[in-house]
């Protein structure tokens, strides 16, 4: 099992950051079959072999992902894609 954590600071405020996180989650849901579900300021994402959470704060967003055994081999690529998608979403 591999764990990935990516955090980025932002100056958007919590509400705007939450909207951007929601838009990103919908894109990931369509692309990868992830099921997004909000619980307070945390957006939980899951599918077989992948479990993740997007934690939206006033000044930062942190994404934590746990990969199952089969997906662990691709953890470097997945982390890179998460970093790119988060940077693009916050731009």
PDB file of N, CA and C in Angstrom:
ATOM      1  N   UNK A   1       0.838  -1.176   0.000  1.00  0.00           N
ATOM      2  CA  UNK A   1       0.000   0.000   0.000  1.00  0.00           C
ATOM      3  C   UNK A   1       0.885   1.242   0.000  1.00  0.00           C
ATOM      4  N   UNK A   2       0.570   2.200  -0.870  1.00  0.00           N
ATOM      5  CA  UNK A   2       1.329   3.446  -0.955  1.00  0.00           C
ATOM      6  C   UNK A   2       0.446   4.611  -0.530  1.00  0.00           C
ATOM      7  N   UNK A   3       1.085   5.591   0.096  1.00  0.00           N
ATOM      8  CA  UNK A   3       0.373   6.806   0.514  1.00  0.00           C
ATOM      9  C   UNK A   3       1.002   8.002  -0.190  1.00  0.00           C
ATOM     10  N   UNK A   4       0.129   8.878  -0.671  1.00  0.00           N
ATOM     11  CA  UNK A   4       0.564  10.101  -1.342  1.00  0.00           C
ATOM     12  C   UNK A   4      -0.085  11.270  -0.616  1.00  0.00           C
ATOM     13  N   UNK A   5       0.690  12.317  -0.378  1.00  0.00           N
ATOM     14  CA  UNK A   5       0.150  13.524   0.225  1.00  0.00           C
ATOM     15  C   UNK A   5       0.723  14.734  -0.519  1.00  0.00           C
ATOM     16  N   UNK A   6      -0.163  15.603  -0.976  1.00  0.00           N
ATOM     17  CA  UNK A   6       0.235  16.805  -1.714  1.00  0.00           C
ATOM     18  C   UNK A   6      -0.509  17.979  -1.095  1.00  0.00           C
ATOM     19  N   UNK A   7       0.217  19.041  -0.750  1.00  0.00           N
ATOM     20  CA  UNK A   7      -0.416  20.220  -0.163  1.00  0.00           C
ATOM     21  C   UNK A   7       0.033  21.471  -0.914  1.00  0.00           C
ATOM     22  N   UNK A   8      -0.926  22.365  -1.142  1.00  0.00           N
ATOM     23  CA  UNK A   8      -0.632  23.614  -1.818  1.00  0.00           C
ATOM     24  C   UNK A   8      -1.312  24.753  -1.059  1.00  0.00           C
ATOM     25  N   UNK A   9      -0.582  25.853  -0.897  1.00  0.00           N
ATOM     26  CA  UNK A   9      -1.159  27.062  -0.312  1.00  0.00           C
ATOM     27  C   UNK A   9      -1.962  27.787  -1.386  1.00  0.00           C
ATOM     28  N   UNK A  10      -2.961  28.544  -0.942  1.00  0.00           N
ATOM     29  CA  UNK A  10      -3.744  29.347  -1.881  1.00  0.00           C
ATOM     30  C   UNK A  10      -4.218  30.609  -1.169  1.00  0.00           C
ATOM     31  N   UNK A  11      -4.605  31.586  -1.929  1.00  0.00           N
ATOM     32  CA  UNK A  11      -5.145  32.830  -1.378  1.00  0.00           C
ATOM     33  C   UNK A  11      -6.573  33.048  -1.826  1.00  0.00           C
ATOM     34  N   UNK A  12      -7.283  31.968  -2.069  1.00  0.00           N
ATOM     35  CA  UNK A  12      -8.627  32.038  -2.648  1.00  0.00           C
ATOM     36  C   UNK A  12      -9.738  32.176  -1.619  1.00  0.00           C
ATOM     37  N   UNK A  13      -9.450  31.826  -0.378  1.00  0.00           N
ATOM     38  CA  UNK A  13     -10.513  31.726   0.613  1.00  0.00           C
ATOM     39  C   UNK A  13     -11.121  30.334   0.539  1.00  0.00           C
ATOM     40  N   UNK A  14     -11.736  29.927   1.623  1.00  0.00           N
ATOM     41  CA  UNK A  14     -12.238  28.552   1.705  1.00  0.00           C
ATOM     42  C   UNK A  14     -13.345  28.246   0.691  1.00  0.00           C
ATOM     43  N   UNK A  15     -14.284  29.169   0.504  1.00  0.00           N
ATOM     44  CA  UNK A  15     -15.421  28.899  -0.389  1.00  0.00           C
ATOM     45  C   UNK A  15     -14.988  28.716  -1.841  1.00  0.00           C
ATOM     46  N   UNK A  16     -14.131  29.603  -2.335  1.00  0.00           N
ATOM     47  CA  UNK A  16     -13.661  29.497  -3.725  1.00  0.00           C
ATOM     48  C   UNK A  16     -12.809  28.245  -3.894  1.00  0.00           C
ATOM     49  N   UNK A  17     -11.957  27.965  -2.910  1.00  0.00           N
ATOM     50  CA  UNK A  17     -11.128  26.763  -2.970  1.00  0.00           C
ATOM     51  C   UNK A  17     -12.000  25.506  -2.971  1.00  0.00           C
ATOM     52  N   UNK A  18     -13.066  25.533  -2.202  1.00  0.00           N
ATOM     53  CA  UNK A  18     -13.993  24.395  -2.151  1.00  0.00           C
ATOM     54  C   UNK A  18     -14.664  24.189  -3.516  1.00  0.00           C
ATOM     55  N   UNK A  19     -15.056  25.285  -4.162  1.00  0.00           N
ATOM     56  CA  UNK A  19     -15.672  25.193  -5.488  1.00  0.00           C
ATOM     57  C   UNK A  19     -14.689  24.613  -6.508  1.00  0.00           C
ATOM     58  N   UNK A  20     -13.430  25.046  -6.426  1.00  0.00           N
ATOM     59  CA  UNK A  20     -12.412  24.519  -7.343  1.00  0.00           C
ATOM     60  C   UNK A  20     -12.146  23.042  -7.062  1.00  0.00           C
ATOM     61  N   UNK A  21     -12.124  22.655  -5.795  1.00  0.00           N
ATOM     62  CA  UNK A  21     -11.929  21.249  -5.429  1.00  0.00           C
ATOM     63  C   UNK A  21     -13.091  20.405  -5.950  1.00  0.00           C
ATOM     64  N   UNK A  22     -14.294  20.928  -5.856  1.00  0.00           N
ATOM     65  CA  UNK A  22     -15.473  20.207  -6.331  1.00  0.00           C
ATOM     66  C   UNK A  22     -15.412  20.019  -7.844  1.00  0.00           C
ATOM     67  N   UNK A  23     -15.001  21.049  -8.564  1.00  0.00           N
ATOM     68  CA  UNK A  23     -14.881  20.962 -10.025  1.00  0.00           C
ATOM     69  C   UNK A  23     -13.815  19.925 -10.416  1.00  0.00           C
ATOM     70  N   UNK A  24     -12.689  19.950  -9.700  1.00  0.00           N
ATOM     71  CA  UNK A  24     -11.628  18.974  -9.949  1.00  0.00           C
ATOM     72  C   UNK A  24     -12.114  17.559  -9.648  1.00  0.00           C
ATOM     73  N   UNK A  25     -12.860  17.394  -8.571  1.00  0.00           N
ATOM     74  CA  UNK A  25     -13.371  16.074  -8.195  1.00  0.00           C
ATOM     75  C   UNK A  25     -14.331  15.525  -9.249  1.00  0.00           C
ATOM     76  N   UNK A  26     -15.167  16.400  -9.812  1.00  0.00           N
ATOM     77  CA  UNK A  26     -16.091  15.946 -10.855  1.00  0.00           C
ATOM     78  C   UNK A  26     -15.326  15.473 -12.084  1.00  0.00           C
ATOM     79  N   UNK A  27     -14.248  16.174 -12.420  1.00  0.00           N
ATOM     80  CA  UNK A  27     -13.418  15.777 -13.552  1.00  0.00           C
ATOM     81  C   UNK A  27     -12.772  14.411 -13.285  1.00  0.00           C
ATOM     82  N   UNK A  28     -12.245  14.234 -12.075  1.00  0.00           N
ATOM     83  CA  UNK A  28     -11.632  12.953 -11.710  1.00  0.00           C
ATOM     84  C   UNK A  28     -12.668  11.833 -11.677  1.00  0.00           C
ATOM     85  N   UNK A  29     -13.862  12.154 -11.227  1.00  0.00           N
ATOM     86  CA  UNK A  29     -14.938  11.159 -11.187  1.00  0.00           C
ATOM     87  C   UNK A  29     -15.263  10.674 -12.592  1.00  0.00           C
ATOM     88  N   UNK A  30     -15.359  11.620 -13.519  1.00  0.00           N
ATOM     89  CA  UNK A  30     -15.665  11.260 -14.903  1.00  0.00           C
ATOM     90  C   UNK A  30     -14.523  10.471 -15.545  1.00  0.00           C
ATOM     91  N   UNK A  31     -13.288  10.890 -15.254  1.00  0.00           N
ATOM     92  CA  UNK A  31     -12.110  10.283 -15.872  1.00  0.00           C
ATOM     93  C   UNK A  31     -11.766   8.915 -15.293  1.00  0.00           C
ATOM     94  N   UNK A  32     -11.854   8.793 -13.973  1.00  0.00           N
ATOM     95  CA  UNK A  32     -11.339   7.592 -13.307  1.00  0.00           C
ATOM     96  C   UNK A  32     -12.374   6.796 -12.522  1.00  0.00           C
ATOM     97  N   UNK A  33     -13.612   7.213 -12.567  1.00  0.00           N
ATOM     98  CA  UNK A  33     -14.648   6.457 -11.874  1.00  0.00           C
ATOM     99  C   UNK A  33     -14.620   6.608 -10.358  1.00  0.00           C
ATOM    100  N   UNK A  34     -14.048   7.713  -9.879  1.00  0.00           N
ATOM    101  CA  UNK A  34     -14.026   7.967  -8.440  1.00  0.00           C
ATOM    102  C   UNK A  34     -15.385   8.481  -7.990  1.00  0.00           C
ATOM    103  N   UNK A  35     -15.769   8.136  -6.775  1.00  0.00           N
ATOM    104  CA  UNK A  35     -17.037   8.597  -6.225  1.00  0.00           C
ATOM    105  C   UNK A  35     -16.772   9.696  -5.202  1.00  0.00           C
ATOM    106  N   UNK A  36     -17.070  10.969  -5.535  1.00  0.00           N
ATOM    107  CA  UNK A  36     -16.838  12.065  -4.591  1.00  0.00           C
ATOM    108  C   UNK A  36     -17.996  12.225  -3.602  1.00  0.00           C
ATOM    109  N   UNK A  37     -17.654  12.569  -2.344  1.00  0.00           N
ATOM    110  CA  UNK A  37     -18.672  12.812  -1.330  1.00  0.00           C
ATOM    111  C   UNK A  37     -18.118  13.789  -0.298  1.00  0.00           C
ATOM    112  N   UNK A  38     -18.817  14.904  -0.095  1.00  0.00           N
ATOM    113  CA  UNK A  38     -18.386  15.905   0.874  1.00  0.00           C
ATOM    114  C   UNK A  38     -18.768  15.502   2.284  1.00  0.00           C
ATOM    115  N   UNK A  39     -17.862  15.771   3.224  1.00  0.00           N
ATOM    116  CA  UNK A  39     -18.119  15.619   4.663  1.00  0.00           C
ATOM    117  C   UNK A  39     -17.493  16.851   5.319  1.00  0.00           C
ATOM    118  N   UNK A  40     -18.280  17.886   5.514  1.00  0.00           N
ATOM    119  CA  UNK A  40     -17.741  19.155   6.014  1.00  0.00           C
ATOM    120  C   UNK A  40     -16.868  19.782   4.938  1.00  0.00           C
ATOM    121  N   UNK A  41     -15.619  20.095   5.291  1.00  0.00           N
ATOM    122  CA  UNK A  41     -14.684  20.687   4.331  1.00  0.00           C
ATOM    123  C   UNK A  41     -13.735  19.652   3.743  1.00  0.00           C
ATOM    124  N   UNK A  42     -14.103  18.392   3.841  1.00  0.00           N
ATOM    125  CA  UNK A  42     -13.299  17.306   3.278  1.00  0.00           C
ATOM    126  C   UNK A  42     -14.098  16.597   2.200  1.00  0.00           C
ATOM    127  N   UNK A  43     -13.478  16.472   1.038  1.00  0.00           N
ATOM    128  CA  UNK A  43     -14.095  15.760  -0.078  1.00  0.00           C
ATOM    129  C   UNK A  43     -13.458  14.385  -0.162  1.00  0.00           C
ATOM    130  N   UNK A  44     -14.225  13.358   0.139  1.00  0.00           N
ATOM    131  CA  UNK A  44     -13.726  11.985   0.091  1.00  0.00           C
ATOM    132  C   UNK A  44     -13.948  11.409  -1.294  1.00  0.00           C
ATOM    133  N   UNK A  45     -12.931  10.706  -1.787  1.00  0.00           N
ATOM    134  CA  UNK A  45     -12.975  10.083  -3.110  1.00  0.00           C
ATOM    135  C   UNK A  45     -12.593   8.622  -2.959  1.00  0.00           C
ATOM    136  N   UNK A  46     -13.338   7.737  -3.620  1.00  0.00           N
ATOM    137  CA  UNK A  46     -12.955   6.332  -3.550  1.00  0.00           C
ATOM    138  C   UNK A  46     -13.407   5.560  -4.763  1.00  0.00           C
ATOM    139  N   UNK A  47     -12.705   4.493  -4.988  1.00  0.00           N
ATOM    140  CA  UNK A  47     -13.036   3.482  -5.982  1.00  0.00           C
ATOM    141  C   UNK A  47     -12.194   2.272  -5.629  1.00  0.00           C
ATOM    142  N   UNK A  48     -12.376   1.208  -6.293  1.00  0.00           N
ATOM    143  CA  UNK A  48     -11.617   0.002  -5.999  1.00  0.00           C
ATOM    144  C   UNK A  48     -10.117   0.274  -6.125  1.00  0.00           C
ATOM    145  N   UNK A  49      -9.367   0.023  -5.062  1.00  0.00           N
ATOM    146  CA  UNK A  49      -7.916   0.186  -5.078  1.00  0.00           C
ATOM    147  C   UNK A  49      -7.406   1.579  -4.774  1.00  0.00           C
ATOM    148  N   UNK A  50      -8.333   2.553  -4.604  1.00  0.00           N
ATOM    149  CA  UNK A  50      -7.928   3.933  -4.347  1.00  0.00           C
ATOM    150  C   UNK A  50      -8.887   4.562  -3.333  1.00  0.00           C
ATOM    151  N   UNK A  51      -8.303   5.230  -2.335  1.00  0.00           N
ATOM    152  CA  UNK A  51      -9.111   5.972  -1.370  1.00  0.00           C
ATOM    153  C   UNK A  51      -8.392   7.291  -1.123  1.00  0.00           C
ATOM    154  N   UNK A  52      -9.112   8.396  -1.235  1.00  0.00           N
ATOM    155  CA  UNK A  52      -8.470   9.684  -1.069  1.00  0.00           C
ATOM    156  C   UNK A  52      -9.373  10.702  -0.419  1.00  0.00           C
ATOM    157  N   UNK A  53      -8.751  11.816  -0.015  1.00  0.00           N
ATOM    158  CA  UNK A  53      -9.491  12.911   0.597  1.00  0.00           C
ATOM    159  C   UNK A  53      -8.839  14.231   0.213  1.00  0.00           C
ATOM    160  N   UNK A  54      -9.692  15.205  -0.081  1.00  0.00           N
ATOM    161  CA  UNK A  54      -9.235  16.560  -0.362  1.00  0.00           C
ATOM    162  C   UNK A  54      -9.688  17.412   0.821  1.00  0.00           C
ATOM    163  N   UNK A  55      -8.717  17.936   1.569  1.00  0.00           N
ATOM    164  CA  UNK A  55      -9.001  18.744   2.753  1.00  0.00           C
ATOM    165  C   UNK A  55      -8.855  20.216   2.358  1.00  0.00           C
ATOM    166  N   UNK A  56      -9.970  20.944   2.405  1.00  0.00           N
ATOM    167  CA  UNK A  56      -9.983  22.338   1.990  1.00  0.00           C
ATOM    168  C   UNK A  56      -9.913  23.234   3.224  1.00  0.00           C
ATOM    169  N   UNK A  57      -8.876  24.064   3.270  1.00  0.00           N
ATOM    170  CA  UNK A  57      -8.716  25.018   4.357  1.00  0.00           C
ATOM    171  C   UNK A  57      -8.784  26.441   3.841  1.00  0.00           C
ATOM    172  N   UNK A  58      -8.759  27.386   4.749  1.00  0.00           N
ATOM    173  CA  UNK A  58      -8.826  28.804   4.393  1.00  0.00           C
ATOM    174  C   UNK A  58      -7.650  29.229   3.516  1.00  0.00           C
ATOM    175  N   UNK A  59      -6.461  28.627   3.758  1.00  0.00           N
ATOM    176  CA  UNK A  59      -5.263  29.050   3.035  1.00  0.00           C
ATOM    177  C   UNK A  59      -4.504  27.909   2.358  1.00  0.00           C
ATOM    178  N   UNK A  60      -5.042  26.680   2.425  1.00  0.00           N
ATOM    179  CA  UNK A  60      -4.355  25.562   1.772  1.00  0.00           C
ATOM    180  C   UNK A  60      -5.333  24.445   1.425  1.00  0.00           C
ATOM    181  N   UNK A  61      -4.887  23.623   0.500  1.00  0.00           N
ATOM    182  CA  UNK A  61      -5.609  22.399   0.129  1.00  0.00           C
ATOM    183  C   UNK A  61      -4.615  21.257   0.236  1.00  0.00           C
ATOM    184  N   UNK A  62      -5.028  20.180   0.898  1.00  0.00           N
ATOM    185  CA  UNK A  62      -4.180  18.999   1.006  1.00  0.00           C
ATOM    186  C   UNK A  62      -4.941  17.799   0.447  1.00  0.00           C
ATOM    187  N   UNK A  63      -4.248  17.033  -0.374  1.00  0.00           N
ATOM    188  CA  UNK A  63      -4.825  15.812  -0.933  1.00  0.00           C
ATOM    189  C   UNK A  63      -4.042  14.629  -0.380  1.00  0.00           C
ATOM    190  N   UNK A  64      -4.758  13.707   0.243  1.00  0.00           N
ATOM    191  CA  UNK A  64      -4.168  12.474   0.761  1.00  0.00           C
ATOM    192  C   UNK A  64      -4.783  11.307   0.002  1.00  0.00           C
ATOM    193  N   UNK A  65      -3.930  10.402  -0.478  1.00  0.00           N
ATOM    194  CA  UNK A  65      -4.397   9.261  -1.256  1.00  0.00           C
ATOM    195  C   UNK A  65      -3.735   7.986  -0.736  1.00  0.00           C
ATOM    196  N   UNK A  66      -4.531   6.941  -0.603  1.00  0.00           N
ATOM    197  CA  UNK A  66      -4.016   5.612  -0.290  1.00  0.00           C
ATOM    198  C   UNK A  66      -4.273   4.723  -1.499  1.00  0.00           C
ATOM    199  N   UNK A  67      -3.208   4.102  -1.978  1.00  0.00           N
ATOM    200  CA  UNK A  67      -3.321   3.223  -3.139  1.00  0.00           C
ATOM    201  C   UNK A  67      -3.235   1.780  -2.705  1.00  0.00           C
ATOM    202  N   UNK A  68      -4.078   0.954  -3.285  1.00  0.00           N
ATOM    203  CA  UNK A  68      -4.031  -0.474  -3.021  1.00  0.00           C
ATOM    204  C   UNK A  68      -2.789  -1.092  -3.653  1.00  0.00           C
ATOM    205  N   UNK A  69      -2.613  -2.354  -3.437  1.00  0.00           N
ATOM    206  CA  UNK A  69      -1.414  -3.068  -3.872  1.00  0.00           C
ATOM    207  C   UNK A  69      -1.142  -2.915  -5.371  1.00  0.00           C
ATOM    208  N   UNK A  70      -2.139  -3.106  -6.198  1.00  0.00           N
ATOM    209  CA  UNK A  70      -1.926  -3.024  -7.644  1.00  0.00           C
ATOM    210  C   UNK A  70      -1.591  -1.615  -8.114  1.00  0.00           C
ATOM    211  N   UNK A  71      -2.212  -0.612  -7.502  1.00  0.00           N
ATOM    212  CA  UNK A  71      -1.989   0.776  -7.905  1.00  0.00           C
ATOM    213  C   UNK A  71      -0.685   1.342  -7.331  1.00  0.00           C
ATOM    214  N   UNK A  72      -0.144   0.713  -6.309  1.00  0.00           N
ATOM    215  CA  UNK A  72       1.079   1.213  -5.656  1.00  0.00           C
ATOM    216  C   UNK A  72       2.249   1.330  -6.618  1.00  0.00           C
ATOM    217  N   UNK A  73       2.309   0.457  -7.584  1.00  0.00           N
ATOM    218  CA  UNK A  73       3.411   0.475  -8.551  1.00  0.00           C
ATOM    219  C   UNK A  73       3.411   1.766  -9.372  1.00  0.00           C
ATOM    220  N   UNK A  74       2.269   2.427  -9.457  1.00  0.00           N
ATOM    221  CA  UNK A  74       2.152   3.651 -10.254  1.00  0.00           C
ATOM    222  C   UNK A  74       2.135   4.898  -9.380  1.00  0.00           C
ATOM    223  N   UNK A  75       2.573   4.799  -8.133  1.00  0.00           N
ATOM    224  CA  UNK A  75       2.431   5.915  -7.196  1.00  0.00           C
ATOM    225  C   UNK A  75       3.166   7.177  -7.650  1.00  0.00           C
ATOM    226  N   UNK A  76       4.346   7.053  -8.240  1.00  0.00           N
ATOM    227  CA  UNK A  76       5.090   8.220  -8.712  1.00  0.00           C
ATOM    228  C   UNK A  76       4.342   8.970  -9.794  1.00  0.00           C
ATOM    229  N   UNK A  77       3.801   8.238 -10.747  1.00  0.00           N
ATOM    230  CA  UNK A  77       3.026   8.836 -11.834  1.00  0.00           C
ATOM    231  C   UNK A  77       1.753   9.475 -11.302  1.00  0.00           C
ATOM    232  N   UNK A  78       1.088   8.785 -10.397  1.00  0.00           N
ATOM    233  CA  UNK A  78      -0.158   9.300  -9.830  1.00  0.00           C
ATOM    234  C   UNK A  78       0.103  10.578  -9.040  1.00  0.00           C
ATOM    235  N   UNK A  79       1.182  10.603  -8.245  1.00  0.00           N
ATOM    236  CA  UNK A  79       1.509  11.812  -7.475  1.00  0.00           C
ATOM    237  C   UNK A  79       1.778  12.990  -8.418  1.00  0.00           C
ATOM    238  N   UNK A  80       2.507  12.745  -9.478  1.00  0.00           N
ATOM    239  CA  UNK A  80       2.806  13.789 -10.451  1.00  0.00           C
ATOM    240  C   UNK A  80       1.526  14.341 -11.085  1.00  0.00           C
ATOM    241  N   UNK A  81       0.612  13.455 -11.428  1.00  0.00           N
ATOM    242  CA  UNK A  81      -0.662  13.876 -12.024  1.00  0.00           C
ATOM    243  C   UNK A  81      -1.497  14.678 -11.034  1.00  0.00           C
ATOM    244  N   UNK A  82      -1.494  14.276  -9.768  1.00  0.00           N
ATOM    245  CA  UNK A  82      -2.231  15.011  -8.736  1.00  0.00           C
ATOM    246  C   UNK A  82      -1.649  16.414  -8.586  1.00  0.00           C
ATOM    247  N   UNK A  83      -0.314  16.516  -8.545  1.00  0.00           N
ATOM    248  CA  UNK A  83       0.335  17.816  -8.410  1.00  0.00           C
ATOM    249  C   UNK A  83      -0.030  18.740  -9.576  1.00  0.00           C
ATOM    250  N   UNK A  84       0.028  18.203 -10.794  1.00  0.00           N
ATOM    251  CA  UNK A  84      -0.308  19.006 -11.977  1.00  0.00           C
ATOM    252  C   UNK A  84      -1.770  19.461 -11.955  1.00  0.00           C
ATOM    253  N   UNK A  85      -2.674  18.530 -11.645  1.00  0.00           N
ATOM    254  CA  UNK A  85      -4.102  18.849 -11.637  1.00  0.00           C
ATOM    255  C   UNK A  85      -4.426  19.866 -10.546  1.00  0.00           C
ATOM    256  N   UNK A  86      -3.801  19.741  -9.384  1.00  0.00           N
ATOM    257  CA  UNK A  86      -4.055  20.681  -8.292  1.00  0.00           C
ATOM    258  C   UNK A  86      -3.510  22.061  -8.623  1.00  0.00           C
ATOM    259  N   UNK A  87      -2.293  22.115  -9.180  1.00  0.00           N
ATOM    260  CA  UNK A  87      -1.720  23.399  -9.564  1.00  0.00           C
ATOM    261  C   UNK A  87      -2.581  24.094 -10.620  1.00  0.00           C
ATOM    262  N   UNK A  88      -3.074  23.325 -11.568  1.00  0.00           N
ATOM    263  CA  UNK A  88      -3.929  23.889 -12.625  1.00  0.00           C
ATOM    264  C   UNK A  88      -5.251  24.373 -12.044  1.00  0.00           C
ATOM    265  N   UNK A  89      -5.828  23.597 -11.141  1.00  0.00           N
ATOM    266  CA  UNK A  89      -7.112  23.963 -10.544  1.00  0.00           C
ATOM    267  C   UNK A  89      -7.010  25.241  -9.706  1.00  0.00           C
ATOM    268  N   UNK A  90      -5.861  25.445  -9.057  1.00  0.00           N
ATOM    269  CA  UNK A  90      -5.692  26.608  -8.188  1.00  0.00           C
ATOM    270  C   UNK A  90      -5.177  27.845  -8.929  1.00  0.00           C
ATOM    271  N   UNK A  91      -4.775  27.669 -10.188  1.00  0.00           N
ATOM    272  CA  UNK A  91      -4.221  28.795 -10.953  1.00  0.00           C
ATOM    273  C   UNK A  91      -5.270  29.847 -11.267  1.00  0.00           C
TER     274      UNK A  91
END
